Amino acid sequence: MKREVFKRLVHTIFGAEEEELVCSEFFRQLPRYVDLERSGRDAAALLPKISHHIHQCPECEEVYKALRDVADS
């Protein structure tokens, strides 16, 4: 197993919160998160559950990266 994959698994297991954000709610709030980032604001501090979900859910992280890339172009 690659070291990065192992680190992500450990982070996912030990980083779990009692009430996790579901992906549908993540998708609803994601555009706002990206807009905050692009405006120079601390999106992670303003929307901590979104930030946490990005690090917990690889599929949603990919969507986040894609949206951020589109917004930056």
PDB file of N, CA and C in Angstrom:
ATOM      1  N   MET A   1       0.856  -1.177   0.000  1.00  0.00           N
ATOM      2  CA  MET A   1       0.000   0.000   0.000  1.00  0.00           C
ATOM      3  C   MET A   1       0.901   1.239   0.000  1.00  0.00           C
ATOM      4  N   LYS A   2       0.570   2.180  -0.850  1.00  0.00           N
ATOM      5  CA  LYS A   2       1.350   3.403  -0.919  1.00  0.00           C
ATOM      6  C   LYS A   2       1.199   4.201   0.368  1.00  0.00           C
ATOM      7  N   ARG A   3       2.240   4.886   0.704  1.00  0.00           N
ATOM      8  CA  ARG A   3       2.256   5.656   1.945  1.00  0.00           C
ATOM      9  C   ARG A   3       1.135   6.705   1.981  1.00  0.00           C
ATOM     10  N   GLU A   4       0.900   7.393   0.863  1.00  0.00           N
ATOM     11  CA  GLU A   4      -0.145   8.421   0.831  1.00  0.00           C
ATOM     12  C   GLU A   4      -1.524   7.827   1.049  1.00  0.00           C
ATOM     13  N   VAL A   5      -1.772   6.667   0.473  1.00  0.00           N
ATOM     14  CA  VAL A   5      -3.060   5.996   0.644  1.00  0.00           C
ATOM     15  C   VAL A   5      -3.229   5.603   2.110  1.00  0.00           C
ATOM     16  N   PHE A   6      -2.178   5.073   2.703  1.00  0.00           N
ATOM     17  CA  PHE A   6      -2.225   4.680   4.109  1.00  0.00           C
ATOM     18  C   PHE A   6      -2.483   5.888   5.007  1.00  0.00           C
ATOM     19  N   LYS A   7      -1.779   6.989   4.739  1.00  0.00           N
ATOM     20  CA  LYS A   7      -1.976   8.196   5.543  1.00  0.00           C
ATOM     21  C   LYS A   7      -3.400   8.701   5.433  1.00  0.00           C
ATOM     22  N   ARG A   8      -3.969   8.648   4.244  1.00  0.00           N
ATOM     23  CA  ARG A   8      -5.345   9.106   4.057  1.00  0.00           C
ATOM     24  C   ARG A   8      -6.318   8.215   4.830  1.00  0.00           C
ATOM     25  N   LEU A   9      -6.099   6.899   4.794  1.00  0.00           N
ATOM     26  CA  LEU A   9      -6.970   5.981   5.533  1.00  0.00           C
ATOM     27  C   LEU A   9      -6.918   6.256   7.032  1.00  0.00           C
ATOM     28  N   VAL A  10      -5.723   6.446   7.549  1.00  0.00           N
ATOM     29  CA  VAL A  10      -5.573   6.734   8.987  1.00  0.00           C
ATOM     30  C   VAL A  10      -6.259   8.051   9.327  1.00  0.00           C
ATOM     31  N   HIS A  11      -6.046   9.055   8.491  1.00  0.00           N
ATOM     32  CA  HIS A  11      -6.676  10.363   8.730  1.00  0.00           C
ATOM     33  C   HIS A  11      -8.199  10.231   8.694  1.00  0.00           C
ATOM     34  N   THR A  12      -8.720   9.454   7.765  1.00  0.00           N
ATOM     35  CA  THR A  12     -10.158   9.270   7.639  1.00  0.00           C
ATOM     36  C   THR A  12     -10.731   8.581   8.870  1.00  0.00           C
ATOM     37  N   ILE A  13     -10.051   7.559   9.340  1.00  0.00           N
ATOM     38  CA  ILE A  13     -10.539   6.810  10.502  1.00  0.00           C
ATOM     39  C   ILE A  13     -10.520   7.672  11.759  1.00  0.00           C
ATOM     40  N   PHE A  14      -9.405   8.319  12.021  1.00  0.00           N
ATOM     41  CA  PHE A  14      -9.269   9.078  13.259  1.00  0.00           C
ATOM     42  C   PHE A  14      -9.820  10.495  13.168  1.00  0.00           C
ATOM     43  N   GLY A  15     -10.122  10.941  11.970  1.00  0.00           N
ATOM     44  CA  GLY A  15     -10.658  12.285  11.797  1.00  0.00           C
ATOM     45  C   GLY A  15     -12.168  12.330  11.724  1.00  0.00           C
ATOM     46  N   ALA A  16     -12.805  11.182  11.834  1.00  0.00           N
ATOM     47  CA  ALA A  16     -14.266  11.133  11.729  1.00  0.00           C
ATOM     48  C   ALA A  16     -14.911  11.910  12.874  1.00  0.00           C
ATOM     49  N   GLU A  17     -15.972  12.611  12.525  1.00  0.00           N
ATOM     50  CA  GLU A  17     -16.737  13.362  13.523  1.00  0.00           C
ATOM     51  C   GLU A  17     -18.004  12.593  13.858  1.00  0.00           C
ATOM     52  N   GLU A  18     -18.616  12.966  14.961  1.00  0.00           N
ATOM     53  CA  GLU A  18     -19.840  12.289  15.374  1.00  0.00           C
ATOM     54  C   GLU A  18     -20.952  12.453  14.338  1.00  0.00           C
ATOM     55  N   GLU A  19     -21.081  13.657  13.801  1.00  0.00           N
ATOM     56  CA  GLU A  19     -22.082  13.932  12.778  1.00  0.00           C
ATOM     57  C   GLU A  19     -21.376  14.389  11.515  1.00  0.00           C
ATOM     58  N   GLU A  20     -21.179  13.473  10.603  1.00  0.00           N
ATOM     59  CA  GLU A  20     -20.502  13.780   9.344  1.00  0.00           C
ATOM     60  C   GLU A  20     -21.463  14.469   8.381  1.00  0.00           C
ATOM     61  N   LEU A  21     -20.935  15.335   7.562  1.00  0.00           N
ATOM     62  CA  LEU A  21     -21.689  15.999   6.517  1.00  0.00           C
ATOM     63  C   LEU A  21     -21.933  14.997   5.390  1.00  0.00           C
ATOM     64  N   VAL A  22     -23.147  14.910   4.920  1.00  0.00           N
ATOM     65  CA  VAL A  22     -23.438  14.006   3.803  1.00  0.00           C
ATOM     66  C   VAL A  22     -23.037  14.689   2.501  1.00  0.00           C
ATOM     67  N   CYS A  23     -22.749  13.883   1.499  1.00  0.00           N
ATOM     68  CA  CYS A  23     -22.259  14.412   0.228  1.00  0.00           C
ATOM     69  C   CYS A  23     -23.244  15.381  -0.419  1.00  0.00           C
ATOM     70  N   SER A  24     -24.532  15.121  -0.327  1.00  0.00           N
ATOM     71  CA  SER A  24     -25.507  16.019  -0.953  1.00  0.00           C
ATOM     72  C   SER A  24     -25.446  17.416  -0.344  1.00  0.00           C
ATOM     73  N   GLU A  25     -25.248  17.515   0.951  1.00  0.00           N
ATOM     74  CA  GLU A  25     -25.106  18.818   1.603  1.00  0.00           C
ATOM     75  C   GLU A  25     -23.772  19.466   1.213  1.00  0.00           C
ATOM     76  N   PHE A  26     -22.738  18.661   1.091  1.00  0.00           N
ATOM     77  CA  PHE A  26     -21.440  19.158   0.626  1.00  0.00           C
ATOM     78  C   PHE A  26     -21.595  19.815  -0.745  1.00  0.00           C
ATOM     79  N   PHE A  27     -22.266  19.115  -1.676  1.00  0.00           N
ATOM     80  CA  PHE A  27     -22.446  19.649  -3.027  1.00  0.00           C
ATOM     81  C   PHE A  27     -23.254  20.950  -3.020  1.00  0.00           C
ATOM     82  N   ARG A  28     -24.194  21.058  -2.118  1.00  0.00           N
ATOM     83  CA  ARG A  28     -24.999  22.269  -2.027  1.00  0.00           C
ATOM     84  C   ARG A  28     -24.154  23.466  -1.599  1.00  0.00           C
ATOM     85  N   GLN A  29     -23.211  23.248  -0.701  1.00  0.00           N
ATOM     86  CA  GLN A  29     -22.407  24.342  -0.155  1.00  0.00           C
ATOM     87  C   GLN A  29     -21.072  24.550  -0.877  1.00  0.00           C
ATOM     88  N   LEU A  30     -20.673  23.611  -1.713  1.00  0.00           N
ATOM     89  CA  LEU A  30     -19.365  23.680  -2.356  1.00  0.00           C
ATOM     90  C   LEU A  30     -19.136  24.951  -3.182  1.00  0.00           C
ATOM     91  N   PRO A  31     -20.080  25.405  -4.003  1.00  0.00           N
ATOM     92  CA  PRO A  31     -19.823  26.643  -4.761  1.00  0.00           C
ATOM     93  C   PRO A  31     -19.496  27.839  -3.858  1.00  0.00           C
ATOM     94  N   ARG A  32     -20.171  27.940  -2.738  1.00  0.00           N
ATOM     95  CA  ARG A  32     -19.889  29.030  -1.799  1.00  0.00           C
ATOM     96  C   ARG A  32     -18.470  28.908  -1.241  1.00  0.00           C
ATOM     97  N   TYR A  33     -18.071  27.688  -0.924  1.00  0.00           N
ATOM     98  CA  TYR A  33     -16.730  27.431  -0.396  1.00  0.00           C
ATOM     99  C   TYR A  33     -15.672  27.890  -1.398  1.00  0.00           C
ATOM    100  N   VAL A  34     -15.839  27.495  -2.649  1.00  0.00           N
ATOM    101  CA  VAL A  34     -14.879  27.868  -3.692  1.00  0.00           C
ATOM    102  C   VAL A  34     -14.886  29.383  -3.905  1.00  0.00           C
ATOM    103  N   ASP A  35     -16.061  30.000  -3.892  1.00  0.00           N
ATOM    104  CA  ASP A  35     -16.145  31.461  -4.030  1.00  0.00           C
ATOM    105  C   ASP A  35     -15.399  32.167  -2.895  1.00  0.00           C
ATOM    106  N   LEU A  36     -15.550  31.660  -1.684  1.00  0.00           N
ATOM    107  CA  LEU A  36     -14.841  32.245  -0.545  1.00  0.00           C
ATOM    108  C   LEU A  36     -13.330  32.123  -0.736  1.00  0.00           C
ATOM    109  N   GLU A  37     -12.874  30.956  -1.155  1.00  0.00           N
ATOM    110  CA  GLU A  37     -11.442  30.756  -1.408  1.00  0.00           C
ATOM    111  C   GLU A  37     -10.931  31.740  -2.460  1.00  0.00           C
ATOM    112  N   ARG A  38     -11.663  31.858  -3.547  1.00  0.00           N
ATOM    113  CA  ARG A  38     -11.236  32.715  -4.658  1.00  0.00           C
ATOM    114  C   ARG A  38     -11.219  34.181  -4.268  1.00  0.00           C
ATOM    115  N   SER A  39     -12.044  34.563  -3.298  1.00  0.00           N
ATOM    116  CA  SER A  39     -12.070  35.958  -2.858  1.00  0.00           C
ATOM    117  C   SER A  39     -11.003  36.245  -1.797  1.00  0.00           C
ATOM    118  N   GLY A  40     -10.211  35.224  -1.457  1.00  0.00           N
ATOM    119  CA  GLY A  40      -9.130  35.410  -0.484  1.00  0.00           C
ATOM    120  C   GLY A  40      -9.547  35.221   0.958  1.00  0.00           C
ATOM    121  N   ARG A  41     -10.769  34.783   1.171  1.00  0.00           N
ATOM    122  CA  ARG A  41     -11.247  34.569   2.542  1.00  0.00           C
ATOM    123  C   ARG A  41     -10.852  33.171   3.005  1.00  0.00           C
ATOM    124  N   ASP A  42     -10.868  32.951   4.294  1.00  0.00           N
ATOM    125  CA  ASP A  42     -10.511  31.652   4.865  1.00  0.00           C
ATOM    126  C   ASP A  42     -11.736  30.741   4.851  1.00  0.00           C
ATOM    127  N   ALA A  43     -11.952  30.079   3.716  1.00  0.00           N
ATOM    128  CA  ALA A  43     -13.128  29.220   3.542  1.00  0.00           C
ATOM    129  C   ALA A  43     -13.157  28.100   4.570  1.00  0.00           C
ATOM    130  N   ALA A  44     -12.006  27.551   4.895  1.00  0.00           N
ATOM    131  CA  ALA A  44     -11.947  26.446   5.867  1.00  0.00           C
ATOM    132  C   ALA A  44     -12.429  26.885   7.243  1.00  0.00           C
ATOM    133  N   ALA A  45     -12.108  28.122   7.622  1.00  0.00           N
ATOM    134  CA  ALA A  45     -12.553  28.630   8.920  1.00  0.00           C
ATOM    135  C   ALA A  45     -14.037  28.985   8.891  1.00  0.00           C
ATOM    136  N   LEU A  46     -14.507  29.495   7.747  1.00  0.00           N
ATOM    137  CA  LEU A  46     -15.905  29.901   7.635  1.00  0.00           C
ATOM    138  C   LEU A  46     -16.853  28.729   7.428  1.00  0.00           C
ATOM    139  N   LEU A  47     -16.380  27.695   6.738  1.00  0.00           N
ATOM    140  CA  LEU A  47     -17.199  26.504   6.480  1.00  0.00           C
ATOM    141  C   LEU A  47     -16.394  25.248   6.855  1.00  0.00           C
ATOM    142  N   PRO A  48     -16.156  25.058   8.147  1.00  0.00           N
ATOM    143  CA  PRO A  48     -15.275  23.953   8.571  1.00  0.00           C
ATOM    144  C   PRO A  48     -15.799  22.563   8.208  1.00  0.00           C
ATOM    145  N   LYS A  49     -17.103  22.375   8.164  1.00  0.00           N
ATOM    146  CA  LYS A  49     -17.629  21.050   7.814  1.00  0.00           C
ATOM    147  C   LYS A  49     -17.338  20.717   6.352  1.00  0.00           C
ATOM    148  N   ILE A  50     -17.346  21.728   5.495  1.00  0.00           N
ATOM    149  CA  ILE A  50     -17.015  21.508   4.089  1.00  0.00           C
ATOM    150  C   ILE A  50     -15.544  21.136   3.970  1.00  0.00           C
ATOM    151  N   SER A  51     -14.695  21.891   4.636  1.00  0.00           N
ATOM    152  CA  SER A  51     -13.263  21.607   4.623  1.00  0.00           C
ATOM    153  C   SER A  51     -12.982  20.198   5.133  1.00  0.00           C
ATOM    154  N   HIS A  52     -13.621  19.835   6.215  1.00  0.00           N
ATOM    155  CA  HIS A  52     -13.438  18.495   6.792  1.00  0.00           C
ATOM    156  C   HIS A  52     -13.887  17.419   5.799  1.00  0.00           C
ATOM    157  N   HIS A  53     -15.013  17.645   5.161  1.00  0.00           N
ATOM    158  CA  HIS A  53     -15.542  16.656   4.218  1.00  0.00           C
ATOM    159  C   HIS A  53     -14.601  16.475   3.029  1.00  0.00           C
ATOM    160  N   ILE A  54     -13.993  17.564   2.568  1.00  0.00           N
ATOM    161  CA  ILE A  54     -13.041  17.470   1.464  1.00  0.00           C
ATOM    162  C   ILE A  54     -11.928  16.485   1.814  1.00  0.00           C
ATOM    163  N   HIS A  55     -11.484  16.512   3.049  1.00  0.00           N
ATOM    164  CA  HIS A  55     -10.382  15.652   3.475  1.00  0.00           C
ATOM    165  C   HIS A  55     -10.834  14.239   3.839  1.00  0.00           C
ATOM    166  N   GLN A  56     -12.118  14.054   4.029  1.00  0.00           N
ATOM    167  CA  GLN A  56     -12.637  12.741   4.415  1.00  0.00           C
ATOM    168  C   GLN A  56     -13.168  11.939   3.237  1.00  0.00           C
ATOM    169  N   CYS A  57     -13.586  12.586   2.182  1.00  0.00           N
ATOM    170  CA  CYS A  57     -14.285  11.901   1.090  1.00  0.00           C
ATOM    171  C   CYS A  57     -13.518  12.105  -0.225  1.00  0.00           C
ATOM    172  N   PRO A  58     -12.810  11.091  -0.688  1.00  0.00           N
ATOM    173  CA  PRO A  58     -12.010  11.237  -1.911  1.00  0.00           C
ATOM    174  C   PRO A  58     -12.828  11.626  -3.141  1.00  0.00           C
ATOM    175  N   GLU A  59     -14.033  11.120  -3.258  1.00  0.00           N
ATOM    176  CA  GLU A  59     -14.866  11.451  -4.409  1.00  0.00           C
ATOM    177  C   GLU A  59     -15.244  12.932  -4.396  1.00  0.00           C
ATOM    178  N   CYS A  60     -15.620  13.435  -3.241  1.00  0.00           N
ATOM    179  CA  CYS A  60     -15.985  14.847  -3.129  1.00  0.00           C
ATOM    180  C   CYS A  60     -14.756  15.742  -3.269  1.00  0.00           C
ATOM    181  N   GLU A  61     -13.626  15.253  -2.839  1.00  0.00           N
ATOM    182  CA  GLU A  61     -12.393  16.014  -3.023  1.00  0.00           C
ATOM    183  C   GLU A  61     -12.108  16.199  -4.513  1.00  0.00           C
ATOM    184  N   GLU A  62     -12.353  15.176  -5.308  1.00  0.00           N
ATOM    185  CA  GLU A  62     -12.153  15.277  -6.754  1.00  0.00           C
ATOM    186  C   GLU A  62     -13.100  16.306  -7.367  1.00  0.00           C
ATOM    187  N   VAL A  63     -14.350  16.316  -6.923  1.00  0.00           N
ATOM    188  CA  VAL A  63     -15.320  17.295  -7.418  1.00  0.00           C
ATOM    189  C   VAL A  63     -14.882  18.703  -7.017  1.00  0.00           C
ATOM    190  N   TYR A  64     -14.432  18.854  -5.786  1.00  0.00           N
ATOM    191  CA  TYR A  64     -13.937  20.148  -5.310  1.00  0.00           C
ATOM    192  C   TYR A  64     -12.783  20.641  -6.181  1.00  0.00           C
ATOM    193  N   LYS A  65     -11.804  19.773  -6.428  1.00  0.00           N
ATOM    194  CA  LYS A  65     -10.655  20.155  -7.245  1.00  0.00           C
ATOM    195  C   LYS A  65     -11.081  20.544  -8.652  1.00  0.00           C
ATOM    196  N   ALA A  66     -12.007  19.800  -9.223  1.00  0.00           N
ATOM    197  CA  ALA A  66     -12.484  20.106 -10.570  1.00  0.00           C
ATOM    198  C   ALA A  66     -13.189  21.457 -10.605  1.00  0.00           C
ATOM    199  N   LEU A  67     -14.039  21.719  -9.616  1.00  0.00           N
ATOM    200  CA  LEU A  67     -14.754  22.997  -9.566  1.00  0.00           C
ATOM    201  C   LEU A  67     -13.773  24.149  -9.371  1.00  0.00           C
ATOM    202  N   ARG A  68     -12.806  23.952  -8.511  1.00  0.00           N
ATOM    203  CA  ARG A  68     -11.793  24.982  -8.268  1.00  0.00           C
ATOM    204  C   ARG A  68     -10.991  25.257  -9.548  1.00  0.00           C
ATOM    205  N   ASP A  69     -10.622  24.201 -10.266  1.00  0.00           N
ATOM    206  CA  ASP A  69      -9.888  24.363 -11.525  1.00  0.00           C
ATOM    207  C   ASP A  69     -10.704  25.132 -12.557  1.00  0.00           C
ATOM    208  N   VAL A  70     -11.995  24.810 -12.659  1.00  0.00           N
ATOM    209  CA  VAL A  70     -12.862  25.519 -13.598  1.00  0.00           C
ATOM    210  C   VAL A  70     -12.999  26.980 -13.198  1.00  0.00           C
ATOM    211  N   ALA A  71     -13.158  27.233 -11.919  1.00  0.00           N
ATOM    212  CA  ALA A  71     -13.324  28.603 -11.444  1.00  0.00           C
ATOM    213  C   ALA A  71     -12.043  29.419 -11.647  1.00  0.00           C
ATOM    214  N   ASP A  72     -10.897  28.769 -11.581  1.00  0.00           N
ATOM    215  CA  ASP A  72      -9.624  29.465 -11.752  1.00  0.00           C
ATOM    216  C   ASP A  72      -9.281  29.734 -13.212  1.00  0.00           C
ATOM    217  N   SER A  73      -9.967  29.057 -14.127  1.00  0.00           N
ATOM    218  CA  SER A  73      -9.605  29.237 -15.545  1.00  0.00           C
ATOM    219  C   SER A  73     -10.398  30.344 -16.219  1.00  0.00           C
TER     220      SER A  73
END
